[in-house]
Amino acid sequence: MSNDSAAYALDNAWVRRSFDRASAGYDSAAVLQADVRTVLLQRLELTSLAPRVALDAGAGTGHASRELKRRYPGAHVIALDFSLGMLRTAARQRSWLRPFARVCAAAERLPLVDASVDLIVSNFMLQWSDLDPVLAEFRRVLAPRGALTFTTLGPDSLRELRHAWAQVDAHARVSQFMDMHDIGDALVRAGFVAPVLDVDRYTLYYADVRRLALDLKAVGARNATRGRARGLTTPRKFAQMQAAYERYRDAGRLPATYEVVFGQAWAPLNTAPRRVGADAHVSLEDVKRQLATSRDS
């Protein structure tokens, strides 16, 4: 299954503009993104990776790039994003002790030579991308036994908002996100081996729908589907959506559910697919146990 179908097709120019506009205030609203980034990077502690070149794909405001440079001081770290606004904000995370390069480019067309990267980390980028071309590019630039570790959103994300809008009209009001199994199939199509995927669910709570809408806009997560309704939403339709969303209110708060897919895969040692790096595969449950242990110690 490919995300180039009508349900998953995105207006890439709209996505880029959304993140450019969100870049200045992104960090103040990106609570979920920061929490998930922490777990994603914790997974690296359970591997024996020693990358010479590490790529932070969809680097956003640069926090993961800074952490990669701290974790691998000898590595050349590249922060790549297609939003120039995000990369300008990412400059705040650089220092003379922890420098990293910034590259403005689309992940579907990486300006990197074949087999030049040892580690790719990507937090919450794939859901805003054309999945098959991106994974093909990741596979192309990864060196033999190179690792890809990522997060993306699954189909249950923002289900309450999606269902509430469905009561109003038939337009695509919330982006569609791919199932974990389809992502796994895409990894295999791209030539990766030994993919490991896990799902975790997060719930954020809001006093009202307007606060949720403001947070989504603040992190650039605006509806970018090509089939979205054009023009401004009328007050009457927004009020109808609010009324439908109220059915989910619990203990005075409205939930917003996020299904987060954590994935890891490897470039093969040679062109023949084979299982590599088996001792470095880390499940989400392993990470949770280590995090619990570190908090209790």
C-alpha atoms as a PDB file:
ATOM      1  CA  MET A   1       0.000   0.000   0.000  1.00  0.00           C
ATOM      2  CA  SER A   2       1.391   3.376  -0.949  1.00  0.00           C
ATOM      3  CA  ASN A   3       0.604   6.739   0.551  1.00  0.00           C
ATOM      4  CA  ASP A   4       0.234   8.252  -2.914  1.00  0.00           C
ATOM      5  CA  SER A   5      -3.444   7.179  -2.933  1.00  0.00           C
ATOM      6  CA  ALA A   6      -6.089   9.873  -2.673  1.00  0.00           C
ATOM      7  CA  ALA A   7      -6.581   9.294   1.049  1.00  0.00           C
ATOM      8  CA  TYR A   8      -2.914   9.959   1.862  1.00  0.00           C
ATOM      9  CA  ALA A   9      -1.954  12.438  -0.877  1.00  0.00           C
ATOM     10  CA  LEU A  10      -0.602  15.683   0.579  1.00  0.00           C
ATOM     11  CA  ASP A  11      -0.173  19.211  -0.690  1.00  0.00           C
ATOM     12  CA  ASN A  12       3.579  19.446  -0.075  1.00  0.00           C
ATOM     13  CA  ALA A  13       3.756  23.192  -0.606  1.00  0.00           C
ATOM     14  CA  TRP A  14       1.022  23.667   2.000  1.00  0.00           C
ATOM     15  CA  VAL A  15       2.895  21.415   4.458  1.00  0.00           C
ATOM     16  CA  ARG A  16       6.086  23.431   3.999  1.00  0.00           C
ATOM     17  CA  ARG A  17       4.292  26.741   4.513  1.00  0.00           C
ATOM     18  CA  SER A  18       2.599  25.405   7.646  1.00  0.00           C
ATOM     19  CA  PHE A  19       5.922  24.472   9.231  1.00  0.00           C
ATOM     20  CA  ASP A  20       7.582  27.703   8.157  1.00  0.00           C
ATOM     21  CA  ARG A  21       4.816  29.653   9.895  1.00  0.00           C
ATOM     22  CA  ALA A  22       4.990  27.450  12.994  1.00  0.00           C
ATOM     23  CA  SER A  23       8.773  27.537  13.406  1.00  0.00           C
ATOM     24  CA  ALA A  24       9.086  30.507  15.760  1.00  0.00           C
ATOM     25  CA  GLY A  25       6.673  29.201  18.390  1.00  0.00           C
ATOM     26  CA  TYR A  26       6.908  25.469  17.689  1.00  0.00           C
ATOM     27  CA  ASP A  27       8.763  24.417  20.832  1.00  0.00           C
ATOM     28  CA  SER A  28       6.245  26.011  23.178  1.00  0.00           C
ATOM     29  CA  ALA A  29       3.448  23.794  21.823  1.00  0.00           C
ATOM     30  CA  ALA A  30       5.369  20.626  20.844  1.00  0.00           C
ATOM     31  CA  VAL A  31       4.852  18.725  24.103  1.00  0.00           C
ATOM     32  CA  LEU A  32       4.008  15.404  22.472  1.00  0.00           C
ATOM     33  CA  GLN A  33       6.822  15.726  19.949  1.00  0.00           C
ATOM     34  CA  ALA A  34       9.346  16.360  22.730  1.00  0.00           C
ATOM     35  CA  ASP A  35       8.146  13.415  24.833  1.00  0.00           C
ATOM     36  CA  VAL A  36       8.253  11.039  21.873  1.00  0.00           C
ATOM     37  CA  ARG A  37      11.680  12.356  20.832  1.00  0.00           C
ATOM     38  CA  THR A  38      13.018  11.497  24.288  1.00  0.00           C
ATOM     39  CA  VAL A  39      11.826   7.887  23.969  1.00  0.00           C
ATOM     40  CA  LEU A  40      13.145   7.619  20.415  1.00  0.00           C
ATOM     41  CA  LEU A  41      16.612   8.771  21.442  1.00  0.00           C
ATOM     42  CA  GLN A  42      16.568   6.549  24.537  1.00  0.00           C
ATOM     43  CA  ARG A  43      16.351   3.575  22.187  1.00  0.00           C
ATOM     44  CA  LEU A  44      19.815   4.440  20.913  1.00  0.00           C
ATOM     45  CA  GLU A  45      21.279   3.862  24.378  1.00  0.00           C
ATOM     46  CA  LEU A  46      20.487   0.159  24.030  1.00  0.00           C
ATOM     47  CA  THR A  47      22.503  -0.221  20.831  1.00  0.00           C
ATOM     48  CA  SER A  48      26.229  -0.210  20.166  1.00  0.00           C
ATOM     49  CA  LEU A  49      26.104   2.257  17.301  1.00  0.00           C
ATOM     50  CA  ALA A  50      29.133   4.452  16.639  1.00  0.00           C
ATOM     51  CA  PRO A  51      28.129   6.471  13.569  1.00  0.00           C
ATOM     52  CA  ARG A  52      30.563   8.574  11.610  1.00  0.00           C
ATOM     53  CA  VAL A  53      27.680  10.433   9.951  1.00  0.00           C
ATOM     54  CA  ALA A  54      24.226  10.812  11.527  1.00  0.00           C
ATOM     55  CA  LEU A  55      21.250  12.343   9.731  1.00  0.00           C
ATOM     56  CA  ASP A  56      18.388  13.962  11.641  1.00  0.00           C
ATOM     57  CA  ALA A  57      15.688  13.793   8.949  1.00  0.00           C
ATOM     58  CA  GLY A  58      12.901  16.271   9.573  1.00  0.00           C
ATOM     59  CA  ALA A  59      15.046  17.979  12.180  1.00  0.00           C
ATOM     60  CA  GLY A  60      12.563  20.742  12.954  1.00  0.00           C
ATOM     61  CA  THR A  61      13.959  23.041  15.617  1.00  0.00           C
ATOM     62  CA  GLY A  62      17.122  20.975  16.071  1.00  0.00           C
ATOM     63  CA  HIS A  63      16.747  19.365  19.499  1.00  0.00           C
ATOM     64  CA  ALA A  64      17.420  15.838  18.237  1.00  0.00           C
ATOM     65  CA  SER A  65      20.417  17.077  16.227  1.00  0.00           C
ATOM     66  CA  ARG A  66      21.906  18.617  19.370  1.00  0.00           C
ATOM     67  CA  GLU A  67      21.302  15.405  21.299  1.00  0.00           C
ATOM     68  CA  LEU A  68      22.862  13.272  18.550  1.00  0.00           C
ATOM     69  CA  LYS A  69      25.997  15.433  18.680  1.00  0.00           C
ATOM     70  CA  ARG A  70      26.110  15.067  22.467  1.00  0.00           C
ATOM     71  CA  ARG A  71      25.635  11.315  22.210  1.00  0.00           C
ATOM     72  CA  TYR A  72      28.113  10.845  19.348  1.00  0.00           C
ATOM     73  CA  PRO A  73      30.659  13.689  19.683  1.00  0.00           C
ATOM     74  CA  GLY A  74      32.863  12.275  16.935  1.00  0.00           C
ATOM     75  CA  ALA A  75      30.049  12.068  14.397  1.00  0.00           C
ATOM     76  CA  HIS A  76      29.228  14.549  11.677  1.00  0.00           C
ATOM     77  CA  VAL A  77      25.566  15.380  12.420  1.00  0.00           C
ATOM     78  CA  ILE A  78      23.313  16.755   9.688  1.00  0.00           C
ATOM     79  CA  ALA A  79      20.010  18.455  10.511  1.00  0.00           C
ATOM     80  CA  LEU A  80      17.842  18.178   7.412  1.00  0.00           C
ATOM     81  CA  ASP A  81      14.422  19.770   6.956  1.00  0.00           C
ATOM     82  CA  PHE A  82      12.439  21.107   4.019  1.00  0.00           C
ATOM     83  CA  SER A  83      11.306  24.090   6.107  1.00  0.00           C
ATOM     84  CA  LEU A  84      13.808  26.926   6.028  1.00  0.00           C
ATOM     85  CA  GLY A  85      12.013  28.525   8.966  1.00  0.00           C
ATOM     86  CA  MET A  86      12.551  25.437  11.103  1.00  0.00           C
ATOM     87  CA  LEU A  87      16.251  25.279  10.215  1.00  0.00           C
ATOM     88  CA  ARG A  88      16.725  28.926  11.095  1.00  0.00           C
ATOM     89  CA  THR A  89      15.226  28.206  14.516  1.00  0.00           C
ATOM     90  CA  ALA A  90      17.401  25.081  14.820  1.00  0.00           C
ATOM     91  CA  ALA A  91      20.490  27.301  14.786  1.00  0.00           C
ATOM     92  CA  ARG A  92      19.732  28.114  18.439  1.00  0.00           C
ATOM     93  CA  GLN A  93      20.592  24.527  19.367  1.00  0.00           C
ATOM     94  CA  ARG A  94      24.099  24.708  17.918  1.00  0.00           C
ATOM     95  CA  SER A  95      27.161  25.604  19.946  1.00  0.00           C
ATOM     96  CA  TRP A  96      30.890  25.451  19.401  1.00  0.00           C
ATOM     97  CA  LEU A  97      30.922  22.317  21.569  1.00  0.00           C
ATOM     98  CA  ARG A  98      28.040  20.688  19.703  1.00  0.00           C
ATOM     99  CA  PRO A  99      28.014  21.912  16.124  1.00  0.00           C
ATOM    100  CA  PHE A 100      25.894  20.333  13.441  1.00  0.00           C
ATOM    101  CA  ALA A 101      25.264  21.076   9.791  1.00  0.00           C
ATOM    102  CA  ARG A 102      21.916  22.345   8.538  1.00  0.00           C
ATOM    103  CA  VAL A 103      20.595  21.334   5.123  1.00  0.00           C
ATOM    104  CA  CYS A 104      17.323  22.535   3.605  1.00  0.00           C
ATOM    105  CA  ALA A 105      16.007  19.782   1.344  1.00  0.00           C
ATOM    106  CA  ALA A 106      13.108  17.376   0.908  1.00  0.00           C
ATOM    107  CA  ALA A 107      13.627  13.866   2.257  1.00  0.00           C
ATOM    108  CA  GLU A 108      12.341  12.508  -1.058  1.00  0.00           C
ATOM    109  CA  ARG A 109      15.476  13.960  -2.730  1.00  0.00           C
ATOM    110  CA  LEU A 110      18.365  13.799  -0.289  1.00  0.00           C
ATOM    111  CA  PRO A 111      21.446  15.767  -1.399  1.00  0.00           C
ATOM    112  CA  LEU A 112      23.740  13.006  -0.110  1.00  0.00           C
ATOM    113  CA  VAL A 113      25.828  10.418  -1.895  1.00  0.00           C
ATOM    114  CA  ASP A 114      25.077   6.712  -1.778  1.00  0.00           C
ATOM    115  CA  ALA A 115      26.037   4.796   1.381  1.00  0.00           C
ATOM    116  CA  SER A 116      27.317   7.943   3.116  1.00  0.00           C
ATOM    117  CA  VAL A 117      25.262   7.833   6.349  1.00  0.00           C
ATOM    118  CA  ASP A 118      25.521   5.398   9.249  1.00  0.00           C
ATOM    119  CA  LEU A 119      22.457   6.457  11.249  1.00  0.00           C
ATOM    120  CA  ILE A 120      19.173   8.130  10.311  1.00  0.00           C
ATOM    121  CA  VAL A 121      16.885   9.427  13.056  1.00  0.00           C
ATOM    122  CA  SER A 122      13.487  10.818  12.126  1.00  0.00           C
ATOM    123  CA  ASN A 123      10.911  12.048  14.633  1.00  0.00           C
ATOM    124  CA  PHE A 124       7.389  12.761  13.356  1.00  0.00           C
ATOM    125  CA  MET A 125       8.394  13.448   9.753  1.00  0.00           C
ATOM    126  CA  LEU A 126       7.154  10.469   7.750  1.00  0.00           C
ATOM    127  CA  GLN A 127       3.462  11.322   8.138  1.00  0.00           C
ATOM    128  CA  TRP A 128       4.144  14.566   6.230  1.00  0.00           C
ATOM    129  CA  SER A 129       6.037  12.805   3.425  1.00  0.00           C
ATOM    130  CA  ASP A 130       5.548  10.532   0.438  1.00  0.00           C
ATOM    131  CA  LEU A 131       6.557   7.345   2.236  1.00  0.00           C
ATOM    132  CA  ASP A 132       7.928   5.098  -0.525  1.00  0.00           C
ATOM    133  CA  PRO A 133      10.236   7.716  -2.117  1.00  0.00           C
ATOM    134  CA  VAL A 134      11.514   8.777   1.319  1.00  0.00           C
ATOM    135  CA  LEU A 135      12.320   5.238   2.418  1.00  0.00           C
ATOM    136  CA  ALA A 136      14.009   4.567  -0.927  1.00  0.00           C
ATOM    137  CA  GLU A 137      16.218   7.607  -0.349  1.00  0.00           C
ATOM    138  CA  PHE A 138      16.960   6.554   3.236  1.00  0.00           C
ATOM    139  CA  ARG A 139      17.999   3.137   1.979  1.00  0.00           C
ATOM    140  CA  ARG A 140      20.149   4.677  -0.767  1.00  0.00           C
ATOM    141  CA  VAL A 141      22.192   6.897   1.542  1.00  0.00           C
ATOM    142  CA  LEU A 142      22.587   4.371   4.383  1.00  0.00           C
ATOM    143  CA  ALA A 143      25.899   2.542   4.515  1.00  0.00           C
ATOM    144  CA  PRO A 144      25.929  -1.252   4.941  1.00  0.00           C
ATOM    145  CA  ARG A 145      24.601  -2.133   8.409  1.00  0.00           C
ATOM    146  CA  GLY A 146      23.416   1.446   8.794  1.00  0.00           C
ATOM    147  CA  ALA A 147      20.412   2.004  11.046  1.00  0.00           C
ATOM    148  CA  LEU A 148      17.131   3.839  10.583  1.00  0.00           C
ATOM    149  CA  THR A 149      15.069   4.686  13.660  1.00  0.00           C
ATOM    150  CA  PHE A 150      11.911   6.760  13.429  1.00  0.00           C
ATOM    151  CA  THR A 151       8.504   7.700  14.749  1.00  0.00           C
ATOM    152  CA  THR A 152       5.360   8.548  12.823  1.00  0.00           C
ATOM    153  CA  LEU A 153       1.637   8.815  13.459  1.00  0.00           C
ATOM    154  CA  GLY A 154      -0.713   5.856  13.050  1.00  0.00           C
ATOM    155  CA  PRO A 155      -4.345   5.859  11.828  1.00  0.00           C
ATOM    156  CA  ASP A 156      -5.915   6.222  15.285  1.00  0.00           C
ATOM    157  CA  SER A 157      -4.292   9.640  15.741  1.00  0.00           C
ATOM    158  CA  LEU A 158      -6.774  12.481  16.286  1.00  0.00           C
ATOM    159  CA  ARG A 159      -9.628  10.014  15.910  1.00  0.00           C
ATOM    160  CA  GLU A 160     -11.920  12.141  18.066  1.00  0.00           C
ATOM    161  CA  LEU A 161     -11.391  15.195  15.862  1.00  0.00           C
ATOM    162  CA  ARG A 162     -11.794  13.146  12.695  1.00  0.00           C
ATOM    163  CA  HIS A 163     -15.066  11.607  13.902  1.00  0.00           C
ATOM    164  CA  ALA A 164     -16.395  14.974  15.052  1.00  0.00           C
ATOM    165  CA  TRP A 165     -15.741  16.566  11.655  1.00  0.00           C
ATOM    166  CA  ALA A 166     -17.343  13.561   9.918  1.00  0.00           C
ATOM    167  CA  GLN A 167     -20.632  14.570  11.550  1.00  0.00           C
ATOM    168  CA  VAL A 168     -20.443  17.953   9.775  1.00  0.00           C
ATOM    169  CA  ASP A 169     -19.546  17.199   6.146  1.00  0.00           C
ATOM    170  CA  ALA A 170     -17.742  14.732   3.880  1.00  0.00           C
ATOM    171  CA  HIS A 171     -14.573  16.782   3.361  1.00  0.00           C
ATOM    172  CA  ALA A 172     -11.191  15.441   4.509  1.00  0.00           C
ATOM    173  CA  ARG A 173     -10.738  17.654   7.569  1.00  0.00           C
ATOM    174  CA  VAL A 174      -7.961  15.636   9.282  1.00  0.00           C
ATOM    175  CA  SER A 175      -4.983  13.995   7.591  1.00  0.00           C
ATOM    176  CA  GLN A 176      -4.985  10.220   7.194  1.00  0.00           C
ATOM    177  CA  PHE A 177      -2.070   8.281   8.675  1.00  0.00           C
ATOM    178  CA  MET A 178      -0.699   4.913   7.610  1.00  0.00           C
ATOM    179  CA  ASP A 179      -1.045   1.665   9.548  1.00  0.00           C
ATOM    180  CA  MET A 180       2.028   0.132  11.181  1.00  0.00           C
ATOM    181  CA  HIS A 181       1.820  -2.966   8.985  1.00  0.00           C
ATOM    182  CA  ASP A 182       1.739  -0.878   5.806  1.00  0.00           C
ATOM    183  CA  ILE A 183       4.823   0.995   7.017  1.00  0.00           C
ATOM    184  CA  GLY A 184       6.555  -2.329   7.640  1.00  0.00           C
ATOM    185  CA  ASP A 185       5.709  -3.456   4.109  1.00  0.00           C
ATOM    186  CA  ALA A 186       7.101  -0.185   2.752  1.00  0.00           C
ATOM    187  CA  LEU A 187      10.374  -0.741   4.625  1.00  0.00           C
ATOM    188  CA  VAL A 188      10.743  -4.166   3.017  1.00  0.00           C
ATOM    189  CA  ARG A 189       9.936  -2.735  -0.426  1.00  0.00           C
ATOM    190  CA  ALA A 190      12.691  -0.165   0.062  1.00  0.00           C
ATOM    191  CA  GLY A 191      15.245  -2.903   0.787  1.00  0.00           C
ATOM    192  CA  PHE A 192      15.537  -2.647   4.566  1.00  0.00           C
ATOM    193  CA  VAL A 193      15.990  -5.773   6.653  1.00  0.00           C
ATOM    194  CA  ALA A 194      14.876  -6.870  10.111  1.00  0.00           C
ATOM    195  CA  PRO A 195      12.289  -4.099  10.662  1.00  0.00           C
ATOM    196  CA  VAL A 196      10.935  -3.791  14.204  1.00  0.00           C
ATOM    197  CA  LEU A 197       7.798  -1.708  14.777  1.00  0.00           C
ATOM    198  CA  ASP A 198       5.901  -0.910  17.962  1.00  0.00           C
ATOM    199  CA  VAL A 199       2.876   1.235  18.723  1.00  0.00           C
ATOM    200  CA  ASP A 200       2.205   3.353  21.774  1.00  0.00           C
ATOM    201  CA  ARG A 201      -0.742   5.641  22.474  1.00  0.00           C
ATOM    202  CA  TYR A 202      -0.637   9.086  24.000  1.00  0.00           C
ATOM    203  CA  THR A 203      -3.576  11.224  25.062  1.00  0.00           C
ATOM    204  CA  LEU A 204      -3.488  14.980  25.498  1.00  0.00           C
ATOM    205  CA  TYR A 205      -6.373  16.748  27.248  1.00  0.00           C
ATOM    206  CA  TYR A 206      -7.949  20.119  26.537  1.00  0.00           C
ATOM    207  CA  ALA A 207     -10.540  22.365  28.093  1.00  0.00           C
ATOM    208  CA  ASP A 208     -12.112  22.974  24.680  1.00  0.00           C
ATOM    209  CA  VAL A 209     -11.668  22.238  20.983  1.00  0.00           C
ATOM    210  CA  ARG A 210     -10.322  25.705  20.218  1.00  0.00           C
ATOM    211  CA  ARG A 211      -7.301  25.048  22.406  1.00  0.00           C
ATOM    212  CA  LEU A 212      -6.629  21.803  20.512  1.00  0.00           C
ATOM    213  CA  ALA A 213      -6.956  23.611  17.173  1.00  0.00           C
ATOM    214  CA  LEU A 214      -4.518  26.301  18.308  1.00  0.00           C
ATOM    215  CA  ASP A 215      -1.964  23.694  19.421  1.00  0.00           C
ATOM    216  CA  LEU A 216      -2.194  21.834  16.096  1.00  0.00           C
ATOM    217  CA  LYS A 217      -1.659  25.066  14.204  1.00  0.00           C
ATOM    218  CA  ALA A 218       1.253  26.002  16.493  1.00  0.00           C
ATOM    219  CA  VAL A 219       3.158  22.815  15.597  1.00  0.00           C
ATOM    220  CA  GLY A 220       2.386  23.073  11.880  1.00  0.00           C
ATOM    221  CA  ALA A 221      -0.032  20.129  11.940  1.00  0.00           C
ATOM    222  CA  ARG A 222      -2.652  21.674   9.686  1.00  0.00           C
ATOM    223  CA  ASN A 223      -4.781  19.579   7.386  1.00  0.00           C
ATOM    224  CA  ALA A 224      -2.678  19.179   4.249  1.00  0.00           C
ATOM    225  CA  THR A 225      -4.659  16.579   2.325  1.00  0.00           C
ATOM    226  CA  ARG A 226      -5.221  17.487  -1.315  1.00  0.00           C
ATOM    227  CA  GLY A 227      -8.929  16.787  -0.881  1.00  0.00           C
ATOM    228  CA  ARG A 228      -9.311  19.192   2.026  1.00  0.00           C
ATOM    229  CA  ALA A 229     -12.041  21.822   2.046  1.00  0.00           C
ATOM    230  CA  ARG A 230     -10.753  25.098   0.606  1.00  0.00           C
ATOM    231  CA  GLY A 231     -11.507  28.457   2.123  1.00  0.00           C
ATOM    232  CA  LEU A 232     -12.398  29.415   5.679  1.00  0.00           C
ATOM    233  CA  THR A 233     -14.522  27.197   7.889  1.00  0.00           C
ATOM    234  CA  THR A 234     -17.769  28.926   8.743  1.00  0.00           C
ATOM    235  CA  PRO A 235     -18.612  29.571  12.420  1.00  0.00           C
ATOM    236  CA  ARG A 236     -21.708  27.386  12.029  1.00  0.00           C
ATOM    237  CA  LYS A 237     -19.694  24.360  10.873  1.00  0.00           C
ATOM    238  CA  PHE A 238     -17.073  24.829  13.564  1.00  0.00           C
ATOM    239  CA  ALA A 239     -19.844  24.987  16.188  1.00  0.00           C
ATOM    240  CA  GLN A 240     -21.313  21.758  14.803  1.00  0.00           C
ATOM    241  CA  MET A 241     -17.913  20.073  15.093  1.00  0.00           C
ATOM    242  CA  GLN A 242     -17.508  21.358  18.657  1.00  0.00           C
ATOM    243  CA  ALA A 243     -20.885  19.915  19.622  1.00  0.00           C
ATOM    244  CA  ALA A 244     -19.943  16.536  18.126  1.00  0.00           C
ATOM    245  CA  TYR A 245     -16.573  16.555  19.939  1.00  0.00           C
ATOM    246  CA  GLU A 246     -18.310  17.200  23.281  1.00  0.00           C
ATOM    247  CA  ARG A 247     -19.466  13.579  23.283  1.00  0.00           C
ATOM    248  CA  TYR A 248     -15.893  12.627  24.197  1.00  0.00           C
ATOM    249  CA  ARG A 249     -15.658  14.929  27.223  1.00  0.00           C
ATOM    250  CA  ASP A 250     -14.562  13.044  30.332  1.00  0.00           C
ATOM    251  CA  ALA A 251     -13.978  14.492  33.794  1.00  0.00           C
ATOM    252  CA  GLY A 252     -14.334  17.981  32.351  1.00  0.00           C
ATOM    253  CA  ARG A 253     -11.687  17.560  29.651  1.00  0.00           C
ATOM    254  CA  LEU A 254     -11.625  16.687  25.958  1.00  0.00           C
ATOM    255  CA  PRO A 255      -9.135  13.971  24.882  1.00  0.00           C
ATOM    256  CA  ALA A 256      -6.969  14.047  21.769  1.00  0.00           C
ATOM    257  CA  THR A 257      -5.558  10.592  21.043  1.00  0.00           C
ATOM    258  CA  TYR A 258      -2.280   9.990  19.213  1.00  0.00           C
ATOM    259  CA  GLU A 259      -1.194   6.574  17.945  1.00  0.00           C
ATOM    260  CA  VAL A 260       2.603   6.738  17.702  1.00  0.00           C
ATOM    261  CA  VAL A 261       4.491   4.181  15.619  1.00  0.00           C
ATOM    262  CA  PHE A 262       8.106   3.556  16.629  1.00  0.00           C
ATOM    263  CA  GLY A 263      10.206   1.844  13.968  1.00  0.00           C
ATOM    264  CA  GLN A 264      13.716   0.581  13.447  1.00  0.00           C
ATOM    265  CA  ALA A 265      15.289  -1.111  10.434  1.00  0.00           C
ATOM    266  CA  TRP A 266      18.716  -1.793   8.980  1.00  0.00           C
ATOM    267  CA  ALA A 267      20.523  -1.535   5.678  1.00  0.00           C
ATOM    268  CA  PRO A 268      21.776  -4.982   4.683  1.00  0.00           C
ATOM    269  CA  LEU A 269      25.441  -5.867   4.779  1.00  0.00           C
ATOM    270  CA  ASN A 270      25.290  -6.514   1.034  1.00  0.00           C
ATOM    271  CA  THR A 271      22.691  -6.535  -1.739  1.00  0.00           C
ATOM    272  CA  ALA A 272      21.296  -9.914  -0.657  1.00  0.00           C
ATOM    273  CA  PRO A 273      18.742  -9.369   2.140  1.00  0.00           C
ATOM    274  CA  ARG A 274      19.929 -10.839   5.395  1.00  0.00           C
ATOM    275  CA  ARG A 275      19.328 -10.298   9.065  1.00  0.00           C
ATOM    276  CA  VAL A 276      21.907  -7.908  10.482  1.00  0.00           C
ATOM    277  CA  GLY A 277      22.387  -6.193  13.788  1.00  0.00           C
ATOM    278  CA  ALA A 278      20.034  -8.631  15.536  1.00  0.00           C
ATOM    279  CA  ASP A 279      21.634  -7.916  18.889  1.00  0.00           C
ATOM    280  CA  ALA A 280      20.782  -4.243  18.520  1.00  0.00           C
ATOM    281  CA  HIS A 281      17.011  -4.594  17.960  1.00  0.00           C
ATOM    282  CA  VAL A 282      15.130  -2.839  20.728  1.00  0.00           C
ATOM    283  CA  SER A 283      11.408  -3.040  21.337  1.00  0.00           C
ATOM    284  CA  LEU A 284       9.379  -0.247  22.850  1.00  0.00           C
ATOM    285  CA  GLU A 285       8.763  -2.397  25.942  1.00  0.00           C
ATOM    286  CA  ASP A 286      12.541  -2.713  26.461  1.00  0.00           C
ATOM    287  CA  VAL A 287      12.834   1.068  26.378  1.00  0.00           C
ATOM    288  CA  LYS A 288       9.958   1.519  28.823  1.00  0.00           C
ATOM    289  CA  ARG A 289      11.561  -0.924  31.280  1.00  0.00           C
ATOM    290  CA  GLN A 290      14.910   0.875  31.084  1.00  0.00           C
ATOM    291  CA  LEU A 291      13.267   4.263  31.556  1.00  0.00           C
ATOM    292  CA  ALA A 292      11.352   2.962  34.600  1.00  0.00           C
ATOM    293  CA  THR A 293      14.564   1.564  36.063  1.00  0.00           C
ATOM    294  CA  SER A 294      16.455   4.814  35.531  1.00  0.00           C
ATOM    295  CA  ARG A 295      13.660   6.829  37.185  1.00  0.00           C
ATOM    296  CA  ASP A 296      13.602   4.505  40.219  1.00  0.00           C
ATOM    297  CA  SER A 297      17.375   4.531  40.698  1.00  0.00           C
END
